[in-house]
Amino acid sequence: MEMVKRLECHYRGPWIKINFYHEIPPHHQNALKNLNFCEALNQAKVIGPIIIDLRQVTHPGERFVFLREGNREEVYRNCQKAGKGVNKEKFFSLISAIPQLPPGYQYIGLEMENEADIYLSHLPPSQLGKLIWDYHTITGERLKISLTGILGVCGEVTVGSFIKKNITIALTCEVSRQKCNIPRETFVVGVPHPLAKKLLEGKK
């Protein structure tokens, strides 16, 4: 059974495959879409494989996270428009800890045919608790998380899970929840492929 189907079977929730590329995969030009990341997440389950050229992304927060471009002022102004009234200095302190994609990656693939780098979902507390309990069981470790509601989907979860090679969890703002069709009572979660395999070992 495909990994996504197994994740959905054991932890419920919709799971989306995400890959990071330095170059566009061969024979996938037709999957290239001019979308921002949150918009693509909302469409990938419906229309199939989507590839995003990160150089075409226009959202200031996504450019900050995926390309290390833009500046904190621009990200701050965009978040203010979304209704986040946090003090500027405190905001700058918060985003300084948000994961950023290592240089060189230029494309993100969603729902591609090959194995994913990470799997992303949104889960209610009961299913998230089940996932974390399985993590405890296979690692014998506490799951260390750092929560924020700023750039939660693209930064904390998507990039964070990829570079930390671990489960990441985030809250997210109302605008992102609407764009990504994420229910208010759920948490966004990311799981890297090697860890997903371990979580599902021995499960039917």
Protein backbone atom coordinates (compact mmCIF):
# COMPACT_ATOMS: atom_id res chain seq x y z
CA MET A 1 0.00 0.00 0.00
CA GLU A 2 1.28 3.47 -0.85
CA MET A 3 2.73 5.40 2.10
CA VAL A 4 0.08 8.13 1.95
CA LYS A 5 -2.73 5.56 2.10
CA ARG A 6 -1.10 3.88 5.08
CA LEU A 7 -0.69 7.19 6.90
CA GLU A 8 -4.33 8.01 6.24
CA CYS A 9 -5.37 4.56 7.43
CA HIS A 10 -3.51 4.78 10.74
CA TYR A 11 -3.62 8.50 11.57
CA ARG A 12 -6.59 9.69 9.50
CA GLY A 13 -6.37 13.17 7.98
CA PRO A 14 -5.45 14.01 4.39
CA TRP A 15 -1.71 13.50 3.78
CA ILE A 16 0.16 15.24 0.97
CA LYS A 17 3.50 14.21 -0.49
CA ILE A 18 6.09 16.99 -0.76
CA ASN A 19 9.45 16.87 -2.56
CA PHE A 20 12.26 19.40 -2.88
CA TYR A 21 14.28 19.68 -6.10
CA HIS A 22 17.35 21.53 -7.30
CA GLU A 23 16.13 21.07 -10.89
CA ILE A 24 12.73 20.33 -12.36
CA PRO A 25 12.22 16.54 -12.64
CA PRO A 26 12.42 15.21 -16.22
CA HIS A 27 9.14 14.95 -18.14
CA HIS A 28 7.21 17.00 -15.62
CA GLN A 29 7.00 20.38 -17.35
CA ASN A 30 3.22 19.97 -17.65
CA ALA A 31 2.94 19.83 -13.84
CA LEU A 32 4.50 23.29 -13.46
CA LYS A 33 1.93 25.70 -12.01
CA ASN A 34 2.18 29.41 -11.23
CA LEU A 35 0.92 29.09 -7.67
CA ASN A 36 2.01 30.07 -4.21
CA PHE A 37 2.63 27.17 -1.84
CA CYS A 38 -0.58 27.39 0.20
CA GLU A 39 -2.66 27.60 -2.96
CA ALA A 40 -0.89 24.56 -4.40
CA LEU A 41 -1.51 22.53 -1.24
CA ASN A 42 -5.22 23.13 -1.61
CA GLN A 43 -5.22 21.94 -5.23
CA ALA A 44 -2.72 19.06 -5.21
CA LYS A 45 -5.15 16.45 -3.87
CA VAL A 46 -7.65 17.38 -6.57
CA ILE A 47 -5.60 17.84 -9.74
CA GLY A 48 -2.64 15.56 -9.04
CA PRO A 49 1.07 16.38 -9.36
CA ILE A 50 1.99 20.06 -9.04
CA ILE A 51 5.44 21.59 -9.33
CA ILE A 52 6.13 25.09 -8.03
CA ASP A 53 9.00 27.18 -9.35
CA LEU A 54 10.08 28.88 -6.14
CA ARG A 55 11.46 31.84 -8.08
CA GLN A 56 7.89 32.61 -9.17
CA VAL A 57 6.43 32.60 -5.65
CA THR A 58 5.06 36.03 -4.72
CA HIS A 59 4.02 35.61 -1.08
CA PRO A 60 6.61 37.48 1.08
CA GLY A 61 6.63 34.84 3.81
CA GLU A 62 7.09 31.98 1.36
CA ARG A 63 9.95 33.79 -0.38
CA PHE A 64 11.54 34.35 3.02
CA VAL A 65 11.26 30.68 3.93
CA PHE A 66 11.97 28.96 0.60
CA LEU A 67 14.40 31.38 -1.07
CA ARG A 68 15.86 33.32 1.88
CA GLU A 69 14.81 36.43 -0.01
CA GLY A 70 12.86 39.53 0.89
CA ASN A 71 13.24 41.21 4.22
CA ARG A 72 11.67 41.01 7.62
CA GLU A 73 9.86 44.33 7.12
CA GLU A 74 8.00 42.95 4.10
CA VAL A 75 7.05 39.76 5.94
CA TYR A 76 5.92 41.85 8.92
CA ARG A 77 3.72 44.11 6.79
CA ASN A 78 2.12 41.08 5.13
CA CYS A 79 1.35 39.50 8.50
CA GLN A 80 -0.09 42.79 9.75
CA LYS A 81 -2.48 42.76 6.79
CA ALA A 82 -3.53 39.26 7.84
CA GLY A 83 -4.56 40.61 11.23
CA LYS A 84 -1.53 39.66 13.34
CA GLY A 85 -1.00 42.70 15.53
CA VAL A 86 2.26 41.63 17.17
CA ASN A 87 4.88 44.23 18.07
CA LYS A 88 7.50 44.60 15.32
CA GLU A 89 10.54 43.82 17.48
CA LYS A 90 8.84 40.76 18.97
CA PHE A 91 7.81 39.68 15.46
CA PHE A 92 11.40 39.92 14.21
CA SER A 93 12.52 37.82 17.16
CA LEU A 94 9.88 35.17 16.34
CA ILE A 95 10.72 34.81 12.66
CA SER A 96 14.47 34.65 13.32
CA ALA A 97 13.92 31.08 14.53
CA ILE A 98 11.71 29.94 11.63
CA PRO A 99 13.40 27.27 9.47
CA GLN A 100 14.54 28.33 6.01
CA LEU A 101 15.21 26.01 3.08
CA PRO A 102 18.93 25.43 2.38
CA PRO A 103 20.22 27.32 -0.69
CA GLY A 104 20.02 25.65 -4.09
CA TYR A 105 16.50 24.24 -4.04
CA GLN A 106 14.42 25.83 -6.80
CA TYR A 107 11.34 23.62 -7.10
CA ILE A 108 8.81 21.98 -4.81
CA GLY A 109 6.73 19.03 -6.01
CA LEU A 110 3.38 18.05 -4.53
CA GLU A 111 1.81 14.63 -5.00
CA MET A 112 4.65 13.43 -7.25
CA GLU A 113 4.92 9.75 -8.24
CA ASN A 114 8.21 9.11 -6.43
CA GLU A 115 8.77 8.78 -2.69
CA ALA A 116 8.16 12.00 -0.80
CA ASP A 117 10.78 13.88 1.18
CA ILE A 118 8.10 14.74 3.72
CA TYR A 119 4.40 14.12 4.30
CA LEU A 120 2.16 16.96 5.46
CA SER A 121 -1.25 16.76 7.08
CA HIS A 122 -3.59 18.43 9.54
CA LEU A 123 -4.77 16.28 12.44
CA PRO A 124 -7.16 16.67 15.39
CA PRO A 125 -5.61 16.26 18.88
CA SER A 126 -6.69 12.61 19.20
CA GLN A 127 -4.88 11.52 16.04
CA LEU A 128 -1.89 13.75 16.70
CA GLY A 129 -1.61 12.13 20.10
CA LYS A 130 -1.59 8.70 18.46
CA LEU A 131 1.21 9.80 16.10
CA ILE A 132 3.29 11.17 18.97
CA TRP A 133 2.74 8.02 21.05
CA ASP A 134 4.04 5.90 18.16
CA TYR A 135 7.03 8.25 17.95
CA HIS A 136 7.74 7.65 21.65
CA THR A 137 7.45 3.91 21.11
CA ILE A 138 9.99 3.69 18.28
CA THR A 139 12.48 6.31 19.53
CA GLY A 140 12.17 6.27 23.31
CA GLU A 141 12.47 10.07 23.11
CA ARG A 142 10.36 13.08 23.89
CA LEU A 143 9.27 15.05 20.83
CA LYS A 144 10.74 18.52 21.15
CA ILE A 145 8.61 21.12 19.40
CA SER A 146 8.56 24.90 19.17
CA LEU A 147 5.15 26.30 18.27
CA THR A 148 4.35 29.52 16.47
CA GLY A 149 1.42 30.81 14.45
CA ILE A 150 3.68 32.64 11.98
CA LEU A 151 4.62 30.92 8.69
CA GLY A 152 3.52 27.67 10.30
CA VAL A 153 2.65 25.69 7.16
CA CYS A 154 5.54 26.67 4.88
CA GLY A 155 8.24 27.31 7.47
CA GLU A 156 7.75 25.45 10.72
CA VAL A 157 6.25 22.30 9.21
CA THR A 158 7.28 21.96 5.56
CA VAL A 159 10.86 23.23 5.76
CA GLY A 160 11.26 22.35 9.43
CA SER A 161 10.42 18.68 8.95
CA PHE A 162 12.73 18.48 5.92
CA ILE A 163 15.84 19.96 7.54
CA LYS A 164 15.30 18.63 11.09
CA LYS A 165 14.41 15.16 9.81
CA ASN A 166 11.76 14.88 12.48
CA ILE A 167 8.07 15.42 13.18
CA THR A 168 7.14 19.10 13.22
CA ILE A 169 3.88 20.62 14.42
CA ALA A 170 2.50 24.11 13.98
CA LEU A 171 -0.46 26.33 14.53
CA THR A 172 -1.31 28.59 11.65
CA CYS A 173 -3.19 31.80 10.99
CA GLU A 174 -6.78 32.05 9.82
CA VAL A 175 -5.71 33.18 6.34
CA SER A 176 -3.53 30.09 5.81
CA ARG A 177 -6.27 27.86 7.17
CA GLN A 178 -8.67 29.27 4.61
CA LYS A 179 -6.21 29.04 1.71
CA CYS A 180 -5.20 25.48 2.57
CA ASN A 181 -8.67 24.38 3.69
CA ILE A 182 -7.40 23.42 7.15
CA PRO A 183 -10.10 22.98 9.82
CA ARG A 184 -9.70 25.23 12.87
CA GLU A 185 -9.66 22.32 15.33
CA THR A 186 -6.59 20.67 13.80
CA PHE A 187 -2.81 21.02 14.02
CA VAL A 188 -0.56 21.07 10.96
CA VAL A 189 2.02 18.27 11.07
CA GLY A 190 4.96 17.18 8.94
CA VAL A 191 6.73 13.80 8.93
CA PRO A 192 9.90 13.03 6.93
CA HIS A 193 9.82 9.88 4.80
CA PRO A 194 12.38 7.76 6.77
CA LEU A 195 10.52 8.43 10.02
CA ALA A 196 7.14 7.70 8.39
CA LYS A 197 8.49 4.28 7.36
CA LYS A 198 9.56 3.56 10.93
CA LEU A 199 6.22 4.69 12.36
CA LEU A 200 4.38 2.30 10.08
CA GLU A 201 6.70 -0.72 10.43
CA GLY A 202 4.75 -3.73 11.62
CA LYS A 203 1.40 -2.06 11.10
CA LYS A 204 -0.99 -3.73 8.69
